[in-house]
Amino acid sequence: MKTSVRAVLMVGLLISTFLLSGCFFNVFQTARTLRRGDVALTLGMGLLNVALGGGEPNPILTPQARLAAGISDGVELGLQSGIMISAAGGQPGFLGVVTDLKVSVFDEPGAFALAVGFGGGWSVPMAGWGVQGSVYLDSNLRVLPLYFVYRPIFPLAAEDFTVWHQFAAGLHLRVSDTARLLLEVDNFNGIWSIGLGLELGL
């Protein structure tokens, strides 16, 4: 079998696996960045329904964790990982490990905040190795603490240049001086997920 045919079959298998599993990371991030030396841990859980082989919808839980550190004021480095658990039974699956660098562009208390980021790693959403960008926009209003994220994802296993899109929107609710609750809705290439995350300053 020729190498090019083998590569096409492998990419097809990876993409089919992704489409059947339909699992992906929730963003669980806002435009806020950590200060230099600060560390935070976000624990989250996503829930989505996918149809396996055109059959009945199958609920899938995606427990996730993200560890972040401020490497300078306005610059944050993060590492995220998780698993996927199907309600239909079977062994839990590995979602992957991705890292990201987030940079604050603008942060005005009582108005809004903007940040950009990029990263990559190995994950089911990327169908293997891939890279991603991010744009984060927050409302810093106490009465309406909303956040929005757009994330273009570039799977490196694809034969041709491919961009997948992830959108997230949610509420960032302050629980204490060191904790925030994130209520989130994500859409990844037409697949919806709801998520709940707790960000804790360490």
C-alpha atoms as a PDB file:
ATOM      1  CA  MET A   1       0.000   0.000   0.000  1.00  0.00           C
ATOM      2  CA  LYS A   2       1.386   3.416  -0.990  1.00  0.00           C
ATOM      3  CA  THR A   3       2.307   5.890   1.716  1.00  0.00           C
ATOM      4  CA  SER A   4      -0.169   8.505   0.398  1.00  0.00           C
ATOM      5  CA  VAL A   5      -3.050   5.978   0.420  1.00  0.00           C
ATOM      6  CA  ARG A   6      -2.070   4.906   3.929  1.00  0.00           C
ATOM      7  CA  ALA A   7      -2.019   8.554   5.074  1.00  0.00           C
ATOM      8  CA  VAL A   8      -5.478   9.212   3.603  1.00  0.00           C
ATOM      9  CA  LEU A   9      -6.874   6.099   5.320  1.00  0.00           C
ATOM     10  CA  MET A  10      -5.317   7.122   8.632  1.00  0.00           C
ATOM     11  CA  VAL A  11      -6.724  10.663   8.426  1.00  0.00           C
ATOM     12  CA  GLY A  12     -10.134   9.219   7.510  1.00  0.00           C
ATOM     13  CA  LEU A  13     -10.005   6.881  10.495  1.00  0.00           C
ATOM     14  CA  LEU A  14      -9.018   9.710  12.856  1.00  0.00           C
ATOM     15  CA  ILE A  15     -11.775  11.982  11.573  1.00  0.00           C
ATOM     16  CA  SER A  16     -14.347   9.168  11.736  1.00  0.00           C
ATOM     17  CA  THR A  17     -13.318   8.460  15.319  1.00  0.00           C
ATOM     18  CA  PHE A  18     -13.747  12.140  16.145  1.00  0.00           C
ATOM     19  CA  LEU A  19     -17.153  12.345  14.481  1.00  0.00           C
ATOM     20  CA  LEU A  20     -18.409   9.201  16.201  1.00  0.00           C
ATOM     21  CA  SER A  21     -17.155  10.191  19.608  1.00  0.00           C
ATOM     22  CA  GLY A  22     -18.066  13.850  19.159  1.00  0.00           C
ATOM     23  CA  CYS A  23     -16.073  14.697  22.285  1.00  0.00           C
ATOM     24  CA  PHE A  24     -14.142  17.886  22.834  1.00  0.00           C
ATOM     25  CA  PHE A  25     -12.744  20.160  25.519  1.00  0.00           C
ATOM     26  CA  ASN A  26     -14.952  22.923  26.857  1.00  0.00           C
ATOM     27  CA  VAL A  27     -13.010  26.193  26.846  1.00  0.00           C
ATOM     28  CA  PHE A  28     -13.478  27.053  30.551  1.00  0.00           C
ATOM     29  CA  GLN A  29     -11.441  30.254  30.127  1.00  0.00           C
ATOM     30  CA  THR A  30     -12.189  33.960  30.046  1.00  0.00           C
ATOM     31  CA  ALA A  31     -10.151  36.974  28.936  1.00  0.00           C
ATOM     32  CA  ARG A  32      -8.783  37.389  32.463  1.00  0.00           C
ATOM     33  CA  THR A  33      -5.123  36.410  32.846  1.00  0.00           C
ATOM     34  CA  LEU A  34      -3.211  35.558  35.991  1.00  0.00           C
ATOM     35  CA  ARG A  35      -0.611  37.850  37.494  1.00  0.00           C
ATOM     36  CA  ARG A  36       3.022  36.809  37.538  1.00  0.00           C
ATOM     37  CA  GLY A  37       3.580  33.950  39.995  1.00  0.00           C
ATOM     38  CA  ASP A  38      -0.136  33.218  40.488  1.00  0.00           C
ATOM     39  CA  VAL A  39      -1.428  29.689  39.868  1.00  0.00           C
ATOM     40  CA  ALA A  40      -5.004  28.528  39.257  1.00  0.00           C
ATOM     41  CA  LEU A  41      -6.711  25.168  38.824  1.00  0.00           C
ATOM     42  CA  THR A  42      -9.985  24.857  36.911  1.00  0.00           C
ATOM     43  CA  LEU A  43     -12.060  21.702  37.381  1.00  0.00           C
ATOM     44  CA  GLY A  44     -14.886  21.266  34.905  1.00  0.00           C
ATOM     45  CA  MET A  45     -17.445  18.899  33.466  1.00  0.00           C
ATOM     46  CA  GLY A  46     -19.021  18.974  30.008  1.00  0.00           C
ATOM     47  CA  LEU A  47     -22.137  17.145  28.833  1.00  0.00           C
ATOM     48  CA  LEU A  48     -23.070  16.478  25.219  1.00  0.00           C
ATOM     49  CA  ASN A  49     -25.270  14.140  23.194  1.00  0.00           C
ATOM     50  CA  VAL A  50     -24.058  12.448  20.027  1.00  0.00           C
ATOM     51  CA  ALA A  51     -25.714   9.878  17.799  1.00  0.00           C
ATOM     52  CA  LEU A  52     -23.591   6.757  17.336  1.00  0.00           C
ATOM     53  CA  GLY A  53     -24.035   5.277  13.880  1.00  0.00           C
ATOM     54  CA  GLY A  54     -27.233   7.254  13.308  1.00  0.00           C
ATOM     55  CA  GLY A  55     -28.923   5.604  16.308  1.00  0.00           C
ATOM     56  CA  GLU A  56     -30.224   6.978  19.577  1.00  0.00           C
ATOM     57  CA  PRO A  57     -28.403   9.957  21.126  1.00  0.00           C
ATOM     58  CA  ASN A  58     -25.682   8.933  23.556  1.00  0.00           C
ATOM     59  CA  PRO A  59     -24.929  11.295  26.486  1.00  0.00           C
ATOM     60  CA  ILE A  60     -21.203  11.741  27.076  1.00  0.00           C
ATOM     61  CA  LEU A  61     -19.586  13.339  30.119  1.00  0.00           C
ATOM     62  CA  THR A  62     -16.204  15.027  29.746  1.00  0.00           C
ATOM     63  CA  PRO A  63     -14.488  15.685  33.117  1.00  0.00           C
ATOM     64  CA  GLN A  64     -11.609  18.113  32.578  1.00  0.00           C
ATOM     65  CA  ALA A  65      -8.900  19.978  34.458  1.00  0.00           C
ATOM     66  CA  ARG A  66      -6.760  22.968  33.508  1.00  0.00           C
ATOM     67  CA  LEU A  67      -3.694  24.152  35.422  1.00  0.00           C
ATOM     68  CA  ALA A  68      -2.547  27.704  34.667  1.00  0.00           C
ATOM     69  CA  ALA A  69       0.318  29.912  35.830  1.00  0.00           C
ATOM     70  CA  GLY A  70       1.027  33.598  35.323  1.00  0.00           C
ATOM     71  CA  ILE A  71       4.476  33.853  33.726  1.00  0.00           C
ATOM     72  CA  SER A  72       4.284  37.646  33.721  1.00  0.00           C
ATOM     73  CA  ASP A  73       1.527  40.186  34.327  1.00  0.00           C
ATOM     74  CA  GLY A  74      -0.983  39.672  31.531  1.00  0.00           C
ATOM     75  CA  VAL A  75       0.615  36.471  30.188  1.00  0.00           C
ATOM     76  CA  GLU A  76      -0.671  33.061  31.249  1.00  0.00           C
ATOM     77  CA  LEU A  77       0.476  29.527  30.403  1.00  0.00           C
ATOM     78  CA  GLY A  78      -2.047  26.700  30.738  1.00  0.00           C
ATOM     79  CA  LEU A  79      -2.242  22.920  30.439  1.00  0.00           C
ATOM     80  CA  GLN A  80      -5.594  21.139  29.988  1.00  0.00           C
ATOM     81  CA  SER A  81      -6.524  17.454  29.975  1.00  0.00           C
ATOM     82  CA  GLY A  82      -9.576  15.282  30.486  1.00  0.00           C
ATOM     83  CA  ILE A  83     -11.450  12.076  29.796  1.00  0.00           C
ATOM     84  CA  MET A  84     -14.731  11.146  28.102  1.00  0.00           C
ATOM     85  CA  ILE A  85     -17.270   8.817  29.682  1.00  0.00           C
ATOM     86  CA  SER A  86     -20.151   7.416  27.632  1.00  0.00           C
ATOM     87  CA  ALA A  87     -23.511   6.777  29.310  1.00  0.00           C
ATOM     88  CA  ALA A  88     -23.788   3.707  27.069  1.00  0.00           C
ATOM     89  CA  GLY A  89     -21.002   2.076  29.087  1.00  0.00           C
ATOM     90  CA  GLY A  90     -17.528   0.979  28.161  1.00  0.00           C
ATOM     91  CA  GLN A  91     -14.124   2.187  29.236  1.00  0.00           C
ATOM     92  CA  PRO A  92     -13.448   5.912  29.707  1.00  0.00           C
ATOM     93  CA  GLY A  93     -11.498   7.449  26.837  1.00  0.00           C
ATOM     94  CA  PHE A  94      -8.655   9.961  26.922  1.00  0.00           C
ATOM     95  CA  LEU A  95      -9.528  13.445  25.579  1.00  0.00           C
ATOM     96  CA  GLY A  96      -5.887  14.455  25.198  1.00  0.00           C
ATOM     97  CA  VAL A  97      -3.504  17.111  26.506  1.00  0.00           C
ATOM     98  CA  VAL A  98      -3.287  20.651  25.138  1.00  0.00           C
ATOM     99  CA  THR A  99      -1.257  23.642  26.233  1.00  0.00           C
ATOM    100  CA  ASP A 100      -1.962  27.293  25.556  1.00  0.00           C
ATOM    101  CA  LEU A 101      -0.449  30.731  26.020  1.00  0.00           C
ATOM    102  CA  LYS A 102      -2.911  33.587  26.681  1.00  0.00           C
ATOM    103  CA  VAL A 103      -2.010  37.273  26.450  1.00  0.00           C
ATOM    104  CA  SER A 104      -4.151  40.122  27.772  1.00  0.00           C
ATOM    105  CA  VAL A 105      -4.735  42.878  25.209  1.00  0.00           C
ATOM    106  CA  PHE A 106      -7.114  45.102  27.184  1.00  0.00           C
ATOM    107  CA  ASP A 107      -8.755  44.839  30.603  1.00  0.00           C
ATOM    108  CA  GLU A 108     -10.922  47.678  31.842  1.00  0.00           C
ATOM    109  CA  PRO A 109     -12.807  47.067  35.132  1.00  0.00           C
ATOM    110  CA  GLY A 110     -16.482  47.861  34.744  1.00  0.00           C
ATOM    111  CA  ALA A 111     -16.266  47.655  30.933  1.00  0.00           C
ATOM    112  CA  PHE A 112     -14.729  44.743  29.032  1.00  0.00           C
ATOM    113  CA  ALA A 113     -11.589  42.663  28.614  1.00  0.00           C
ATOM    114  CA  LEU A 114      -9.922  41.219  25.517  1.00  0.00           C
ATOM    115  CA  ALA A 115      -7.225  38.551  25.261  1.00  0.00           C
ATOM    116  CA  VAL A 116      -5.711  36.401  22.527  1.00  0.00           C
ATOM    117  CA  GLY A 117      -4.018  33.024  22.717  1.00  0.00           C
ATOM    118  CA  PHE A 118      -2.494  30.149  20.826  1.00  0.00           C
ATOM    119  CA  GLY A 119      -1.531  26.601  21.678  1.00  0.00           C
ATOM    120  CA  GLY A 120      -1.614  23.002  20.617  1.00  0.00           C
ATOM    121  CA  GLY A 121      -1.121  19.402  21.568  1.00  0.00           C
ATOM    122  CA  TRP A 122      -2.700  16.011  21.016  1.00  0.00           C
ATOM    123  CA  SER A 123      -6.435  15.616  21.466  1.00  0.00           C
ATOM    124  CA  VAL A 124      -9.584  13.970  20.137  1.00  0.00           C
ATOM    125  CA  PRO A 125     -10.982  17.331  18.942  1.00  0.00           C
ATOM    126  CA  MET A 126      -7.878  17.835  16.795  1.00  0.00           C
ATOM    127  CA  ALA A 127      -8.081  14.232  15.509  1.00  0.00           C
ATOM    128  CA  GLY A 128      -4.510  13.813  16.744  1.00  0.00           C
ATOM    129  CA  TRP A 129      -1.851  16.539  16.808  1.00  0.00           C
ATOM    130  CA  GLY A 130      -2.944  20.085  16.097  1.00  0.00           C
ATOM    131  CA  VAL A 131      -2.652  23.770  16.886  1.00  0.00           C
ATOM    132  CA  GLN A 132      -5.268  26.329  17.825  1.00  0.00           C
ATOM    133  CA  GLY A 133      -5.780  30.044  18.268  1.00  0.00           C
ATOM    134  CA  SER A 134      -8.172  31.832  20.640  1.00  0.00           C
ATOM    135  CA  VAL A 135      -9.885  35.185  21.016  1.00  0.00           C
ATOM    136  CA  TYR A 136     -11.477  35.932  24.413  1.00  0.00           C
ATOM    137  CA  LEU A 137     -13.935  38.757  25.138  1.00  0.00           C
ATOM    138  CA  ASP A 138     -15.399  39.422  28.603  1.00  0.00           C
ATOM    139  CA  SER A 139     -17.994  41.752  29.966  1.00  0.00           C
ATOM    140  CA  ASN A 140     -16.629  43.104  33.243  1.00  0.00           C
ATOM    141  CA  LEU A 141     -20.058  44.305  34.329  1.00  0.00           C
ATOM    142  CA  ARG A 142     -21.252  42.983  37.701  1.00  0.00           C
ATOM    143  CA  VAL A 143     -24.863  42.674  36.530  1.00  0.00           C
ATOM    144  CA  LEU A 144     -23.991  40.763  33.326  1.00  0.00           C
ATOM    145  CA  PRO A 145     -20.593  38.997  33.636  1.00  0.00           C
ATOM    146  CA  LEU A 146     -20.605  37.322  30.209  1.00  0.00           C
ATOM    147  CA  TYR A 147     -17.684  35.883  28.249  1.00  0.00           C
ATOM    148  CA  PHE A 148     -17.298  34.799  24.631  1.00  0.00           C
ATOM    149  CA  VAL A 149     -14.546  32.757  22.989  1.00  0.00           C
ATOM    150  CA  TYR A 150     -13.758  31.905  19.373  1.00  0.00           C
ATOM    151  CA  ARG A 151     -11.186  29.200  18.722  1.00  0.00           C
ATOM    152  CA  PRO A 152      -9.983  28.159  15.225  1.00  0.00           C
ATOM    153  CA  ILE A 153      -8.447  24.671  15.329  1.00  0.00           C
ATOM    154  CA  PHE A 154      -5.987  23.354  12.746  1.00  0.00           C
ATOM    155  CA  PRO A 155      -5.646  19.518  12.731  1.00  0.00           C
ATOM    156  CA  LEU A 156      -2.159  18.621  11.527  1.00  0.00           C
ATOM    157  CA  ALA A 157      -3.248  15.102  10.485  1.00  0.00           C
ATOM    158  CA  ALA A 158      -5.493  16.489   7.728  1.00  0.00           C
ATOM    159  CA  GLU A 159      -4.206  15.973   4.186  1.00  0.00           C
ATOM    160  CA  ASP A 160      -5.260  19.491   3.124  1.00  0.00           C
ATOM    161  CA  PHE A 161      -5.361  22.737   5.086  1.00  0.00           C
ATOM    162  CA  THR A 162      -8.397  22.437   7.376  1.00  0.00           C
ATOM    163  CA  VAL A 163      -9.910  24.771   9.972  1.00  0.00           C
ATOM    164  CA  TRP A 164     -12.457  23.628  12.547  1.00  0.00           C
ATOM    165  CA  HIS A 165     -14.327  26.184  14.632  1.00  0.00           C
ATOM    166  CA  GLN A 166     -15.248  26.266  18.311  1.00  0.00           C
ATOM    167  CA  PHE A 167     -17.424  28.938  19.908  1.00  0.00           C
ATOM    168  CA  ALA A 168     -18.135  29.288  23.620  1.00  0.00           C
ATOM    169  CA  ALA A 169     -20.301  31.653  25.638  1.00  0.00           C
ATOM    170  CA  GLY A 170     -21.008  31.739  29.323  1.00  0.00           C
ATOM    171  CA  LEU A 171     -21.203  33.477  32.655  1.00  0.00           C
ATOM    172  CA  HIS A 172     -18.209  34.023  34.956  1.00  0.00           C
ATOM    173  CA  LEU A 173     -19.544  34.330  38.483  1.00  0.00           C
ATOM    174  CA  ARG A 174     -17.325  35.356  41.393  1.00  0.00           C
ATOM    175  CA  VAL A 175     -17.718  32.985  44.344  1.00  0.00           C
ATOM    176  CA  SER A 176     -14.923  34.420  46.500  1.00  0.00           C
ATOM    177  CA  ASP A 177     -11.653  36.336  46.141  1.00  0.00           C
ATOM    178  CA  THR A 178      -9.973  33.159  44.848  1.00  0.00           C
ATOM    179  CA  ALA A 179     -12.807  31.266  43.127  1.00  0.00           C
ATOM    180  CA  ARG A 180     -15.047  31.740  40.081  1.00  0.00           C
ATOM    181  CA  LEU A 181     -17.864  29.621  38.677  1.00  0.00           C
ATOM    182  CA  LEU A 182     -18.000  29.256  34.878  1.00  0.00           C
ATOM    183  CA  LEU A 183     -21.333  28.298  33.265  1.00  0.00           C
ATOM    184  CA  GLU A 184     -20.667  27.617  29.588  1.00  0.00           C
ATOM    185  CA  VAL A 185     -22.219  26.545  26.300  1.00  0.00           C
ATOM    186  CA  ASP A 186     -19.869  25.352  23.534  1.00  0.00           C
ATOM    187  CA  ASN A 187     -20.354  24.590  19.863  1.00  0.00           C
ATOM    188  CA  PHE A 188     -17.656  22.611  18.062  1.00  0.00           C
ATOM    189  CA  ASN A 189     -18.372  22.129  14.333  1.00  0.00           C
ATOM    190  CA  GLY A 190     -22.121  21.958  14.992  1.00  0.00           C
ATOM    191  CA  ILE A 191     -21.938  19.764  18.125  1.00  0.00           C
ATOM    192  CA  TRP A 192     -23.271  21.426  21.290  1.00  0.00           C
ATOM    193  CA  SER A 193     -22.072  20.936  24.863  1.00  0.00           C
ATOM    194  CA  ILE A 194     -22.971  22.497  28.178  1.00  0.00           C
ATOM    195  CA  GLY A 195     -20.323  22.815  30.849  1.00  0.00           C
ATOM    196  CA  LEU A 196     -19.761  23.800  34.445  1.00  0.00           C
ATOM    197  CA  GLY A 197     -16.315  24.786  35.714  1.00  0.00           C
ATOM    198  CA  LEU A 198     -14.837  25.988  38.995  1.00  0.00           C
ATOM    199  CA  GLU A 199     -11.657  28.064  38.826  1.00  0.00           C
ATOM    200  CA  LEU A 200      -9.636  28.094  42.045  1.00  0.00           C
ATOM    201  CA  GLY A 201      -6.654  30.291  42.831  1.00  0.00           C
ATOM    202  CA  LEU A 202      -3.903  28.245  44.496  1.00  0.00           C
END
